[in-house]
Amino acid sequence: MQVAITSRHGNVSDHTREYIITKSEKLLTYFERVTAIQVTVDYEGDHVKIEILVNAEHKHNFVAHDIGDDVPSTYDRTMHKMEQQIRKYKDKIQDHRRVLSINKIAERESSKAESEEPAT
């Protein structure tokens, strides 16, 4: 997974850059199909605008952005929005219709087949 950080109208310190990379990599715990993360820090006068783009396999980009006074707190709010989007998408694609898991169904079928075999 790649984490790319770009800044407009200013520079991101090394400490802040490491903070962003560390926090961004935690998205893999929510959704393992994340392939790339693009973080844009835009300094607009006395405010900071942060935008996060996440590319995932078999899905269009996830986008989250927020405006605040400093980079770390604004990034945390933006990351929270991104986590919510990813959790909602993951919940949507999971199959919740089954009462039993696939493994339990397979075990029942195999035990049923074994009990139906004629004894010789």
PDB file of N, CA and C in Angstrom:
ATOM      1  N   MET A   1       0.837  -1.176   0.000  1.00  0.00           N
ATOM      2  CA  MET A   1       0.000   0.000   0.000  1.00  0.00           C
ATOM      3  C   MET A   1       0.886   1.244   0.000  1.00  0.00           C
ATOM      4  N   GLN A   2       0.495   2.219  -0.759  1.00  0.00           N
ATOM      5  CA  GLN A   2       1.244   3.465  -0.856  1.00  0.00           C
ATOM      6  C   GLN A   2       0.483   4.581  -0.143  1.00  0.00           C
ATOM      7  N   VAL A   3       1.242   5.391   0.590  1.00  0.00           N
ATOM      8  CA  VAL A   3       0.683   6.589   1.216  1.00  0.00           C
ATOM      9  C   VAL A   3       1.440   7.778   0.641  1.00  0.00           C
ATOM     10  N   ALA A   4       0.744   8.643  -0.093  1.00  0.00           N
ATOM     11  CA  ALA A   4       1.360   9.818  -0.696  1.00  0.00           C
ATOM     12  C   ALA A   4       0.806  11.065  -0.014  1.00  0.00           C
ATOM     13  N   ILE A   5       1.710  11.935   0.402  1.00  0.00           N
ATOM     14  CA  ILE A   5       1.310  13.175   1.071  1.00  0.00           C
ATOM     15  C   ILE A   5       1.787  14.343   0.225  1.00  0.00           C
ATOM     16  N   THR A   6       0.861  15.217  -0.130  1.00  0.00           N
ATOM     17  CA  THR A   6       1.222  16.424  -0.872  1.00  0.00           C
ATOM     18  C   THR A   6       0.710  17.629  -0.097  1.00  0.00           C
ATOM     19  N   SER A   7       1.377  18.750  -0.308  1.00  0.00           N
ATOM     20  CA  SER A   7       0.940  19.967   0.364  1.00  0.00           C
ATOM     21  C   SER A   7       0.893  21.112  -0.641  1.00  0.00           C
ATOM     22  N   ARG A   8      -0.047  22.009  -0.404  1.00  0.00           N
ATOM     23  CA  ARG A   8      -0.199  23.194  -1.240  1.00  0.00           C
ATOM     24  C   ARG A   8      -0.026  24.426  -0.370  1.00  0.00           C
ATOM     25  N   HIS A   9       0.714  25.365  -0.852  1.00  0.00           N
ATOM     26  CA  HIS A   9       0.903  26.656  -0.186  1.00  0.00           C
ATOM     27  C   HIS A   9       1.565  26.522   1.185  1.00  0.00           C
ATOM     28  N   GLY A  10       2.423  25.541   1.351  1.00  0.00           N
ATOM     29  CA  GLY A  10       3.122  25.361   2.620  1.00  0.00           C
ATOM     30  C   GLY A  10       3.806  24.007   2.655  1.00  0.00           C
ATOM     31  N   ASN A  11       4.476  23.723   3.754  1.00  0.00           N
ATOM     32  CA  ASN A  11       5.192  22.469   3.915  1.00  0.00           C
ATOM     33  C   ASN A  11       4.671  21.711   5.132  1.00  0.00           C
ATOM     34  N   VAL A  12       4.726  20.397   5.035  1.00  0.00           N
ATOM     35  CA  VAL A  12       4.347  19.523   6.136  1.00  0.00           C
ATOM     36  C   VAL A  12       5.639  19.074   6.808  1.00  0.00           C
ATOM     37  N   SER A  13       5.726  19.239   8.130  1.00  0.00           N
ATOM     38  CA  SER A  13       6.942  18.852   8.851  1.00  0.00           C
ATOM     39  C   SER A  13       7.113  17.333   8.823  1.00  0.00           C
ATOM     40  N   ASP A  14       8.340  16.884   9.066  1.00  0.00           N
ATOM     41  CA  ASP A  14       8.628  15.453   9.060  1.00  0.00           C
ATOM     42  C   ASP A  14       7.850  14.716  10.145  1.00  0.00           C
ATOM     43  N   HIS A  15       7.732  15.337  11.308  1.00  0.00           N
ATOM     44  CA  HIS A  15       6.980  14.718  12.405  1.00  0.00           C
ATOM     45  C   HIS A  15       5.510  14.535  12.018  1.00  0.00           C
ATOM     46  N   THR A  16       4.928  15.555  11.423  1.00  0.00           N
ATOM     47  CA  THR A  16       3.534  15.484  10.994  1.00  0.00           C
ATOM     48  C   THR A  16       3.370  14.477   9.866  1.00  0.00           C
ATOM     49  N   ARG A  17       4.344  14.420   8.977  1.00  0.00           N
ATOM     50  CA  ARG A  17       4.315  13.466   7.872  1.00  0.00           C
ATOM     51  C   ARG A  17       4.300  12.023   8.403  1.00  0.00           C
ATOM     52  N   GLU A  18       5.151  11.731   9.391  1.00  0.00           N
ATOM     53  CA  GLU A  18       5.192  10.395   9.998  1.00  0.00           C
ATOM     54  C   GLU A  18       3.874  10.075  10.705  1.00  0.00           C
ATOM     55  N   TYR A  19       3.303  11.075  11.373  1.00  0.00           N
ATOM     56  CA  TYR A  19       2.012  10.909  12.053  1.00  0.00           C
ATOM     57  C   TYR A  19       0.922  10.528  11.048  1.00  0.00           C
ATOM     58  N   ILE A  20       0.885  11.218   9.921  1.00  0.00           N
ATOM     59  CA  ILE A  20      -0.119  10.959   8.894  1.00  0.00           C
ATOM     60  C   ILE A  20       0.064   9.566   8.300  1.00  0.00           C
ATOM     61  N   ILE A  21       1.290   9.175   8.023  1.00  0.00           N
ATOM     62  CA  ILE A  21       1.547   7.854   7.448  1.00  0.00           C
ATOM     63  C   ILE A  21       1.139   6.750   8.421  1.00  0.00           C
ATOM     64  N   THR A  22       1.506   6.912   9.688  1.00  0.00           N
ATOM     65  CA  THR A  22       1.168   5.900  10.692  1.00  0.00           C
ATOM     66  C   THR A  22      -0.339   5.738  10.833  1.00  0.00           C
ATOM     67  N   LYS A  23      -1.048   6.850  10.912  1.00  0.00           N
ATOM     68  CA  LYS A  23      -2.505   6.798  11.059  1.00  0.00           C
ATOM     69  C   LYS A  23      -3.171   6.259   9.785  1.00  0.00           C
ATOM     70  N   SER A  24      -2.630   6.601   8.626  1.00  0.00           N
ATOM     71  CA  SER A  24      -3.225   6.153   7.365  1.00  0.00           C
ATOM     72  C   SER A  24      -3.109   4.647   7.194  1.00  0.00           C
ATOM     73  N   GLU A  25      -2.023   4.074   7.651  1.00  0.00           N
ATOM     74  CA  GLU A  25      -1.830   2.632   7.510  1.00  0.00           C
ATOM     75  C   GLU A  25      -2.821   1.836   8.344  1.00  0.00           C
ATOM     76  N   LYS A  26      -3.443   2.459   9.334  1.00  0.00           N
ATOM     77  CA  LYS A  26      -4.434   1.771  10.155  1.00  0.00           C
ATOM     78  C   LYS A  26      -5.726   1.495   9.390  1.00  0.00           C
ATOM     79  N   LEU A  27      -5.900   2.126   8.223  1.00  0.00           N
ATOM     80  CA  LEU A  27      -7.084   1.841   7.420  1.00  0.00           C
ATOM     81  C   LEU A  27      -7.105   0.394   6.947  1.00  0.00           C
ATOM     82  N   LEU A  28      -5.939  -0.229   6.873  1.00  0.00           N
ATOM     83  CA  LEU A  28      -5.879  -1.630   6.459  1.00  0.00           C
ATOM     84  C   LEU A  28      -6.571  -2.549   7.462  1.00  0.00           C
ATOM     85  N   THR A  29      -6.660  -2.135   8.719  1.00  0.00           N
ATOM     86  CA  THR A  29      -7.348  -2.959   9.703  1.00  0.00           C
ATOM     87  C   THR A  29      -8.852  -2.959   9.465  1.00  0.00           C
ATOM     88  N   TYR A  30      -9.368  -1.911   8.840  1.00  0.00           N
ATOM     89  CA  TYR A  30     -10.795  -1.839   8.556  1.00  0.00           C
ATOM     90  C   TYR A  30     -11.152  -2.493   7.226  1.00  0.00           C
ATOM     91  N   PHE A  31     -10.270  -2.334   6.237  1.00  0.00           N
ATOM     92  CA  PHE A  31     -10.555  -2.843   4.900  1.00  0.00           C
ATOM     93  C   PHE A  31      -9.230  -3.230   4.253  1.00  0.00           C
ATOM     94  N   GLU A  32      -9.014  -4.527   4.063  1.00  0.00           N
ATOM     95  CA  GLU A  32      -7.722  -5.001   3.586  1.00  0.00           C
ATOM     96  C   GLU A  32      -7.492  -4.801   2.095  1.00  0.00           C
ATOM     97  N   ARG A  33      -8.488  -4.349   1.362  1.00  0.00           N
ATOM     98  CA  ARG A  33      -8.344  -4.141  -0.075  1.00  0.00           C
ATOM     99  C   ARG A  33      -7.876  -2.732  -0.450  1.00  0.00           C
ATOM    100  N   VAL A  34      -7.428  -1.963   0.501  1.00  0.00           N
ATOM    101  CA  VAL A  34      -6.923  -0.616   0.226  1.00  0.00           C
ATOM    102  C   VAL A  34      -5.591  -0.739  -0.513  1.00  0.00           C
ATOM    103  N   THR A  35      -5.472  -0.054  -1.650  1.00  0.00           N
ATOM    104  CA  THR A  35      -4.248  -0.130  -2.441  1.00  0.00           C
ATOM    105  C   THR A  35      -3.407   1.138  -2.352  1.00  0.00           C
ATOM    106  N   ALA A  36      -4.038   2.298  -2.226  1.00  0.00           N
ATOM    107  CA  ALA A  36      -3.283   3.555  -2.172  1.00  0.00           C
ATOM    108  C   ALA A  36      -4.075   4.607  -1.402  1.00  0.00           C
ATOM    109  N   ILE A  37      -3.329   5.463  -0.709  1.00  0.00           N
ATOM    110  CA  ILE A  37      -3.933   6.570   0.041  1.00  0.00           C
ATOM    111  C   ILE A  37      -3.229   7.857  -0.372  1.00  0.00           C
ATOM    112  N   GLN A  38      -4.003   8.850  -0.749  1.00  0.00           N
ATOM    113  CA  GLN A  38      -3.476  10.155  -1.138  1.00  0.00           C
ATOM    114  C   GLN A  38      -3.985  11.190  -0.147  1.00  0.00           C
ATOM    115  N   VAL A  39      -3.076  11.851   0.570  1.00  0.00           N
ATOM    116  CA  VAL A  39      -3.438  12.879   1.545  1.00  0.00           C
ATOM    117  C   VAL A  39      -2.946  14.220   1.001  1.00  0.00           C
ATOM    118  N   THR A  40      -3.852  15.192   0.902  1.00  0.00           N
ATOM    119  CA  THR A  40      -3.501  16.523   0.433  1.00  0.00           C
ATOM    120  C   THR A  40      -3.745  17.514   1.572  1.00  0.00           C
ATOM    121  N   VAL A  41      -2.694  18.250   1.936  1.00  0.00           N
ATOM    122  CA  VAL A  41      -2.774  19.280   2.977  1.00  0.00           C
ATOM    123  C   VAL A  41      -2.688  20.626   2.269  1.00  0.00           C
ATOM    124  N   ASP A  42      -3.745  21.416   2.373  1.00  0.00           N
ATOM    125  CA  ASP A  42      -3.819  22.705   1.691  1.00  0.00           C
ATOM    126  C   ASP A  42      -3.888  23.819   2.742  1.00  0.00           C
ATOM    127  N   TYR A  43      -2.857  24.659   2.774  1.00  0.00           N
ATOM    128  CA  TYR A  43      -2.816  25.777   3.715  1.00  0.00           C
ATOM    129  C   TYR A  43      -3.529  26.966   3.073  1.00  0.00           C
ATOM    130  N   GLU A  44      -4.682  27.338   3.616  1.00  0.00           N
ATOM    131  CA  GLU A  44      -5.480  28.440   3.087  1.00  0.00           C
ATOM    132  C   GLU A  44      -5.499  29.570   4.112  1.00  0.00           C
ATOM    133  N   GLY A  45      -4.539  30.444   4.074  1.00  0.00           N
ATOM    134  CA  GLY A  45      -4.471  31.536   5.038  1.00  0.00           C
ATOM    135  C   GLY A  45      -4.192  30.996   6.425  1.00  0.00           C
ATOM    136  N   ASP A  46      -5.122  31.201   7.346  1.00  0.00           N
ATOM    137  CA  ASP A  46      -4.926  30.702   8.708  1.00  0.00           C
ATOM    138  C   ASP A  46      -5.649  29.378   8.953  1.00  0.00           C
ATOM    139  N   HIS A  47      -6.236  28.781   7.911  1.00  0.00           N
ATOM    140  CA  HIS A  47      -6.913  27.490   8.023  1.00  0.00           C
ATOM    141  C   HIS A  47      -6.168  26.423   7.221  1.00  0.00           C
ATOM    142  N   VAL A  48      -6.441  25.181   7.564  1.00  0.00           N
ATOM    143  CA  VAL A  48      -5.857  24.039   6.868  1.00  0.00           C
ATOM    144  C   VAL A  48      -6.992  23.178   6.345  1.00  0.00           C
ATOM    145  N   LYS A  49      -6.917  22.825   5.066  1.00  0.00           N
ATOM    146  CA  LYS A  49      -7.898  21.919   4.483  1.00  0.00           C
ATOM    147  C   LYS A  49      -7.183  20.615   4.174  1.00  0.00           C
ATOM    148  N   ILE A  50      -7.742  19.507   4.646  1.00  0.00           N
ATOM    149  CA  ILE A  50      -7.144  18.197   4.409  1.00  0.00           C
ATOM    150  C   ILE A  50      -8.139  17.347   3.644  1.00  0.00           C
ATOM    151  N   GLU A  51      -7.633  16.689   2.603  1.00  0.00           N
ATOM    152  CA  GLU A  51      -8.445  15.797   1.793  1.00  0.00           C
ATOM    153  C   GLU A  51      -7.745  14.442   1.720  1.00  0.00           C
ATOM    154  N   ILE A  52      -8.515  13.387   1.914  1.00  0.00           N
ATOM    155  CA  ILE A  52      -7.975  12.029   1.850  1.00  0.00           C
ATOM    156  C   ILE A  52      -8.709  11.282   0.748  1.00  0.00           C
ATOM    157  N   LEU A  53      -7.943  10.709  -0.175  1.00  0.00           N
ATOM    158  CA  LEU A  53      -8.479   9.856  -1.234  1.00  0.00           C
ATOM    159  C   LEU A  53      -7.949   8.448  -0.995  1.00  0.00           C
ATOM    160  N   VAL A  54      -8.837   7.471  -0.990  1.00  0.00           N
ATOM    161  CA  VAL A  54      -8.432   6.084  -0.783  1.00  0.00           C
ATOM    162  C   VAL A  54      -8.872   5.263  -1.983  1.00  0.00           C
ATOM    163  N   ASN A  55      -7.925   4.562  -2.589  1.00  0.00           N
ATOM    164  CA  ASN A  55      -8.223   3.644  -3.688  1.00  0.00           C
ATOM    165  C   ASN A  55      -8.330   2.244  -3.117  1.00  0.00           C
ATOM    166  N   ALA A  56      -9.378   1.542  -3.494  1.00  0.00           N
ATOM    167  CA  ALA A  56      -9.570   0.165  -3.057  1.00  0.00           C
ATOM    168  C   ALA A  56      -9.847  -0.711  -4.278  1.00  0.00           C
ATOM    169  N   GLU A  57      -9.486  -1.976  -4.160  1.00  0.00           N
ATOM    170  CA  GLU A  57      -9.744  -2.914  -5.248  1.00  0.00           C
ATOM    171  C   GLU A  57     -11.250  -3.075  -5.433  1.00  0.00           C
ATOM    172  N   HIS A  58     -11.685  -3.137  -6.688  1.00  0.00           N
ATOM    173  CA  HIS A  58     -13.074  -3.385  -7.054  1.00  0.00           C
ATOM    174  C   HIS A  58     -14.033  -2.321  -6.530  1.00  0.00           C
ATOM    175  N   LYS A  59     -13.549  -1.129  -6.284  1.00  0.00           N
ATOM    176  CA  LYS A  59     -14.397  -0.068  -5.756  1.00  0.00           C
ATOM    177  C   LYS A  59     -13.844   1.269  -6.219  1.00  0.00           C
ATOM    178  N   HIS A  60     -14.727   2.243  -6.431  1.00  0.00           N
ATOM    179  CA  HIS A  60     -14.271   3.580  -6.757  1.00  0.00           C
ATOM    180  C   HIS A  60     -13.592   4.211  -5.540  1.00  0.00           C
ATOM    181  N   ASN A  61     -13.073   5.394  -5.708  1.00  0.00           N
ATOM    182  CA  ASN A  61     -12.347   6.063  -4.628  1.00  0.00           C
ATOM    183  C   ASN A  61     -13.280   6.485  -3.495  1.00  0.00           C
ATOM    184  N   PHE A  62     -12.744   6.396  -2.287  1.00  0.00           N
ATOM    185  CA  PHE A  62     -13.400   6.980  -1.125  1.00  0.00           C
ATOM    186  C   PHE A  62     -12.781   8.366  -0.938  1.00  0.00           C
ATOM    187  N   VAL A  63     -13.601   9.364  -0.606  1.00  0.00           N
ATOM    188  CA  VAL A  63     -13.114  10.729  -0.451  1.00  0.00           C
ATOM    189  C   VAL A  63     -13.641  11.308   0.863  1.00  0.00           C
ATOM    190  N   ALA A  64     -12.736  11.962   1.614  1.00  0.00           N
ATOM    191  CA  ALA A  64     -13.144  12.672   2.827  1.00  0.00           C
ATOM    192  C   ALA A  64     -12.303  13.936   2.938  1.00  0.00           C
ATOM    193  N   HIS A  65     -12.913  15.020   3.413  1.00  0.00           N
ATOM    194  CA  HIS A  65     -12.157  16.263   3.601  1.00  0.00           C
ATOM    195  C   HIS A  65     -12.737  17.046   4.762  1.00  0.00           C
ATOM    196  N   ASP A  66     -11.904  17.924   5.321  1.00  0.00           N
ATOM    197  CA  ASP A  66     -12.317  18.751   6.454  1.00  0.00           C
ATOM    198  C   ASP A  66     -11.416  19.982   6.509  1.00  0.00           C
ATOM    199  N   ILE A  67     -11.890  21.027   7.174  1.00  0.00           N
ATOM    200  CA  ILE A  67     -11.141  22.272   7.341  1.00  0.00           C
ATOM    201  C   ILE A  67     -10.982  22.535   8.833  1.00  0.00           C
ATOM    202  N   GLY A  68      -9.782  22.954   9.235  1.00  0.00           N
ATOM    203  CA  GLY A  68      -9.536  23.239  10.641  1.00  0.00           C
ATOM    204  C   GLY A  68      -8.381  24.194  10.823  1.00  0.00           C
ATOM    205  N   ASP A  69      -7.930  24.326  12.069  1.00  0.00           N
ATOM    206  CA  ASP A  69      -6.870  25.278  12.397  1.00  0.00           C
ATOM    207  C   ASP A  69      -5.469  24.677  12.356  1.00  0.00           C
ATOM    208  N   ASP A  70      -5.336  23.387  12.725  1.00  0.00           N
ATOM    209  CA  ASP A  70      -4.013  22.762  12.690  1.00  0.00           C
ATOM    210  C   ASP A  70      -4.105  21.395  12.013  1.00  0.00           C
ATOM    211  N   VAL A  71      -2.973  20.916  11.538  1.00  0.00           N
ATOM    212  CA  VAL A  71      -2.942  19.709  10.718  1.00  0.00           C
ATOM    213  C   VAL A  71      -3.340  18.452  11.499  1.00  0.00           C
ATOM    214  N   PRO A  72      -2.746  18.139  12.660  1.00  0.00           N
ATOM    215  CA  PRO A  72      -3.077  16.861  13.312  1.00  0.00           C
ATOM    216  C   PRO A  72      -4.557  16.693  13.675  1.00  0.00           C
ATOM    217  N   SER A  73      -5.163  17.695  14.276  1.00  0.00           N
ATOM    218  CA  SER A  73      -6.571  17.547  14.666  1.00  0.00           C
ATOM    219  C   SER A  73      -7.489  17.501  13.445  1.00  0.00           C
ATOM    220  N   THR A  74      -7.186  18.292  12.427  1.00  0.00           N
ATOM    221  CA  THR A  74      -7.987  18.269  11.207  1.00  0.00           C
ATOM    222  C   THR A  74      -7.837  16.930  10.508  1.00  0.00           C
ATOM    223  N   TYR A  75      -6.625  16.393  10.497  1.00  0.00           N
ATOM    224  CA  TYR A  75      -6.393  15.091   9.891  1.00  0.00           C
ATOM    225  C   TYR A  75      -7.179  14.003  10.638  1.00  0.00           C
ATOM    226  N   ASP A  76      -7.194  14.063  11.962  1.00  0.00           N
ATOM    227  CA  ASP A  76      -7.921  13.066  12.753  1.00  0.00           C
ATOM    228  C   ASP A  76      -9.417  13.090  12.439  1.00  0.00           C
ATOM    229  N   ARG A  77      -9.992  14.286  12.307  1.00  0.00           N
ATOM    230  CA  ARG A  77     -11.413  14.389  11.962  1.00  0.00           C
ATOM    231  C   ARG A  77     -11.682  13.835  10.563  1.00  0.00           C
ATOM    232  N   THR A  78     -10.789  14.145   9.643  1.00  0.00           N
ATOM    233  CA  THR A  78     -10.942  13.656   8.277  1.00  0.00           C
ATOM    234  C   THR A  78     -10.801  12.139   8.239  1.00  0.00           C
ATOM    235  N   MET A  79      -9.854  11.601   8.991  1.00  0.00           N
ATOM    236  CA  MET A  79      -9.648  10.157   9.026  1.00  0.00           C
ATOM    237  C   MET A  79     -10.864   9.454   9.635  1.00  0.00           C
ATOM    238  N   HIS A  80     -11.485  10.079  10.625  1.00  0.00           N
ATOM    239  CA  HIS A  80     -12.694   9.504  11.215  1.00  0.00           C
ATOM    240  C   HIS A  80     -13.804   9.392  10.166  1.00  0.00           C
ATOM    241  N   LYS A  81     -13.944  10.417   9.342  1.00  0.00           N
ATOM    242  CA  LYS A  81     -14.932  10.372   8.260  1.00  0.00           C
ATOM    243  C   LYS A  81     -14.624   9.237   7.289  1.00  0.00           C
ATOM    244  N   MET A  82     -13.341   9.070   6.970  1.00  0.00           N
ATOM    245  CA  MET A  82     -12.935   8.017   6.049  1.00  0.00           C
ATOM    246  C   MET A  82     -13.212   6.634   6.644  1.00  0.00           C
ATOM    247  N   GLU A  83     -12.909   6.463   7.916  1.00  0.00           N
ATOM    248  CA  GLU A  83     -13.168   5.182   8.578  1.00  0.00           C
ATOM    249  C   GLU A  83     -14.652   4.840   8.533  1.00  0.00           C
ATOM    250  N   GLN A  84     -15.505   5.834   8.743  1.00  0.00           N
ATOM    251  CA  GLN A  84     -16.944   5.602   8.705  1.00  0.00           C
ATOM    252  C   GLN A  84     -17.393   5.155   7.316  1.00  0.00           C
ATOM    253  N   GLN A  85     -16.854   5.785   6.278  1.00  0.00           N
ATOM    254  CA  GLN A  85     -17.208   5.403   4.912  1.00  0.00           C
ATOM    255  C   GLN A  85     -16.799   3.967   4.620  1.00  0.00           C
ATOM    256  N   ILE A  86     -15.587   3.623   5.023  1.00  0.00           N
ATOM    257  CA  ILE A  86     -15.069   2.282   4.741  1.00  0.00           C
ATOM    258  C   ILE A  86     -15.846   1.235   5.534  1.00  0.00           C
ATOM    259  N   ARG A  87     -16.133   1.514   6.792  1.00  0.00           N
ATOM    260  CA  ARG A  87     -16.922   0.566   7.593  1.00  0.00           C
ATOM    261  C   ARG A  87     -18.306   0.358   6.985  1.00  0.00           C
ATOM    262  N   LYS A  88     -18.934   1.437   6.553  1.00  0.00           N
ATOM    263  CA  LYS A  88     -20.262   1.340   5.965  1.00  0.00           C
ATOM    264  C   LYS A  88     -20.219   0.525   4.675  1.00  0.00           C
ATOM    265  N   TYR A  89     -19.206   0.750   3.842  1.00  0.00           N
ATOM    266  CA  TYR A  89     -19.075  -0.001   2.600  1.00  0.00           C
ATOM    267  C   TYR A  89     -18.819  -1.476   2.876  1.00  0.00           C
ATOM    268  N   LYS A  90     -17.938  -1.762   3.821  1.00  0.00           N
ATOM    269  CA  LYS A  90     -17.617  -3.151   4.143  1.00  0.00           C
ATOM    270  C   LYS A  90     -18.844  -3.871   4.688  1.00  0.00           C
ATOM    271  N   ASP A  91     -19.609  -3.200   5.529  1.00  0.00           N
ATOM    272  CA  ASP A  91     -20.834  -3.783   6.067  1.00  0.00           C
ATOM    273  C   ASP A  91     -21.842  -4.048   4.949  1.00  0.00           C
ATOM    274  N   LYS A  92     -21.879  -3.178   3.974  1.00  0.00           N
ATOM    275  CA  LYS A  92     -22.811  -3.309   2.865  1.00  0.00           C
ATOM    276  C   LYS A  92     -22.471  -4.506   1.979  1.00  0.00           C
ATOM    277  N   ILE A  93     -21.187  -4.755   1.749  1.00  0.00           N
ATOM    278  CA  ILE A  93     -20.803  -5.831   0.836  1.00  0.00           C
ATOM    279  C   ILE A  93     -20.785  -7.199   1.505  1.00  0.00           C
ATOM    280  N   GLN A  94     -20.796  -7.240   2.822  1.00  0.00           N
ATOM    281  CA  GLN A  94     -20.815  -8.535   3.499  1.00  0.00           C
ATOM    282  C   GLN A  94     -22.202  -9.144   3.405  1.00  0.00           C
ATOM    283  N   ASP A  95     -22.242 -10.457   3.348  1.00  0.00           N
ATOM    284  CA  ASP A  95     -23.494 -11.173   3.216  1.00  0.00           C
ATOM    285  C   ASP A  95     -24.057 -11.461   4.606  1.00  0.00           C
ATOM    286  N   HIS A  96     -25.115 -10.756   4.989  1.00  0.00           N
ATOM    287  CA  HIS A  96     -25.723 -10.918   6.304  1.00  0.00           C
ATOM    288  C   HIS A  96     -26.991 -11.773   6.246  1.00  0.00           C
ATOM    289  N   ARG A  97     -27.275 -12.354   5.102  1.00  0.00           N
ATOM    290  CA  ARG A  97     -28.517 -13.096   4.938  1.00  0.00           C
ATOM    291  C   ARG A  97     -28.456 -14.490   5.545  1.00  0.00           C
ATOM    292  N   ARG A  98     -27.290 -15.044   5.675  1.00  0.00           N
ATOM    293  CA  ARG A  98     -27.169 -16.402   6.176  1.00  0.00           C
ATOM    294  C   ARG A  98     -27.354 -16.457   7.682  1.00  0.00           C
ATOM    295  N   VAL A  99     -28.090 -17.439   8.110  1.00  0.00           N
ATOM    296  CA  VAL A  99     -28.236 -17.677   9.540  1.00  0.00           C
ATOM    297  C   VAL A  99     -27.027 -18.468  10.026  1.00  0.00           C
ATOM    298  N   LEU A 100     -26.576 -19.412   9.197  1.00  0.00           N
ATOM    299  CA  LEU A 100     -25.400 -20.210   9.522  1.00  0.00           C
ATOM    300  C   LEU A 100     -24.260 -19.837   8.595  1.00  0.00           C
ATOM    301  N   SER A 101     -23.052 -20.034   9.076  1.00  0.00           N
ATOM    302  CA  SER A 101     -21.895 -19.751   8.237  1.00  0.00           C
ATOM    303  C   SER A 101     -21.715 -20.866   7.210  1.00  0.00           C
ATOM    304  N   ILE A 102     -20.926 -20.627   6.205  1.00  0.00           N
ATOM    305  CA  ILE A 102     -20.657 -21.607   5.156  1.00  0.00           C
ATOM    306  C   ILE A 102     -20.057 -22.877   5.755  1.00  0.00           C
ATOM    307  N   ASN A 103     -19.159 -22.733   6.716  1.00  0.00           N
ATOM    308  CA  ASN A 103     -18.520 -23.893   7.335  1.00  0.00           C
ATOM    309  C   ASN A 103     -19.541 -24.776   8.044  1.00  0.00           C
ATOM    310  N   LYS A 104     -20.471 -24.192   8.766  1.00  0.00           N
ATOM    311  CA  LYS A 104     -21.501 -24.963   9.468  1.00  0.00           C
ATOM    312  C   LYS A 104     -22.405 -25.698   8.479  1.00  0.00           C
ATOM    313  N   ILE A 105     -22.746 -25.029   7.377  1.00  0.00           N
ATOM    314  CA  ILE A 105     -23.589 -25.661   6.358  1.00  0.00           C
ATOM    315  C   ILE A 105     -22.857 -26.850   5.743  1.00  0.00           C
ATOM    316  N   ALA A 106     -21.570 -26.684   5.451  1.00  0.00           N
ATOM    317  CA  ALA A 106     -20.775 -27.769   4.877  1.00  0.00           C
ATOM    318  C   ALA A 106     -20.659 -28.936   5.847  1.00  0.00           C
ATOM    319  N   GLU A 107     -20.480 -28.662   7.123  1.00  0.00           N
ATOM    320  CA  GLU A 107     -20.406 -29.730   8.119  1.00  0.00           C
ATOM    321  C   GLU A 107     -21.715 -30.499   8.200  1.00  0.00           C
ATOM    322  N   ARG A 108     -22.836 -29.803   8.165  1.00  0.00           N
ATOM    323  CA  ARG A 108     -24.143 -30.462   8.209  1.00  0.00           C
ATOM    324  C   ARG A 108     -24.344 -31.358   6.990  1.00  0.00           C
ATOM    325  N   GLU A 109     -23.991 -30.837   5.823  1.00  0.00           N
ATOM    326  CA  GLU A 109     -24.156 -31.606   4.598  1.00  0.00           C
ATOM    327  C   GLU A 109     -23.290 -32.862   4.612  1.00  0.00           C
ATOM    328  N   SER A 110     -22.055 -32.746   5.081  1.00  0.00           N
ATOM    329  CA  SER A 110     -21.167 -33.914   5.101  1.00  0.00           C
ATOM    330  C   SER A 110     -21.640 -34.941   6.123  1.00  0.00           C
ATOM    331  N   SER A 111     -22.114 -34.509   7.275  1.00  0.00           N
ATOM    332  CA  SER A 111     -22.614 -35.455   8.274  1.00  0.00           C
ATOM    333  C   SER A 111     -23.924 -36.087   7.810  1.00  0.00           C
ATOM    334  N   LYS A 112     -24.736 -35.346   7.090  1.00  0.00           N
ATOM    335  CA  LYS A 112     -25.982 -35.862   6.548  1.00  0.00           C
ATOM    336  C   LYS A 112     -25.699 -36.912   5.480  1.00  0.00           C
ATOM    337  N   ALA A 113     -24.709 -36.644   4.631  1.00  0.00           N
ATOM    338  CA  ALA A 113     -24.337 -37.591   3.577  1.00  0.00           C
ATOM    339  C   ALA A 113     -23.770 -38.867   4.176  1.00  0.00           C
ATOM    340  N   GLU A 114     -22.996 -38.752   5.242  1.00  0.00           N
ATOM    341  CA  GLU A 114     -22.415 -39.915   5.893  1.00  0.00           C
ATOM    342  C   GLU A 114     -23.491 -40.782   6.543  1.00  0.00           C
ATOM    343  N   SER A 115     -24.488 -40.164   7.145  1.00  0.00           N
ATOM    344  CA  SER A 115     -25.548 -40.914   7.813  1.00  0.00           C
ATOM    345  C   SER A 115     -26.495 -41.581   6.826  1.00  0.00           C
ATOM    346  N   GLU A 116     -26.586 -41.088   5.600  1.00  0.00           N
ATOM    347  CA  GLU A 116     -27.470 -41.670   4.595  1.00  0.00           C
ATOM    348  C   GLU A 116     -26.830 -42.798   3.818  1.00  0.00           C
ATOM    349  N   GLU A 117     -25.540 -43.024   3.956  1.00  0.00           N
ATOM    350  CA  GLU A 117     -24.871 -44.100   3.228  1.00  0.00           C
ATOM    351  C   GLU A 117     -25.400 -45.433   3.725  1.00  0.00           C
ATOM    352  N   PRO A 118     -25.733 -46.332   2.806  1.00  0.00           N
ATOM    353  CA  PRO A 118     -26.240 -47.627   3.241  1.00  0.00           C
ATOM    354  C   PRO A 118     -25.137 -48.477   3.881  1.00  0.00           C
ATOM    355  N   ALA A 119     -25.493 -49.158   4.908  1.00  0.00           N
ATOM    356  CA  ALA A 119     -24.547 -50.032   5.583  1.00  0.00           C
ATOM    357  C   ALA A 119     -24.485 -51.364   4.866  1.00  0.00           C
ATOM    358  N   THR A 120     -23.293 -51.884   4.675  1.00  0.00           N
ATOM    359  CA  THR A 120     -23.160 -53.150   3.970  1.00  0.00           C
ATOM    360  C   THR A 120     -22.767 -54.280   4.866  1.00  0.00           C
TER     361      THR A 120
END
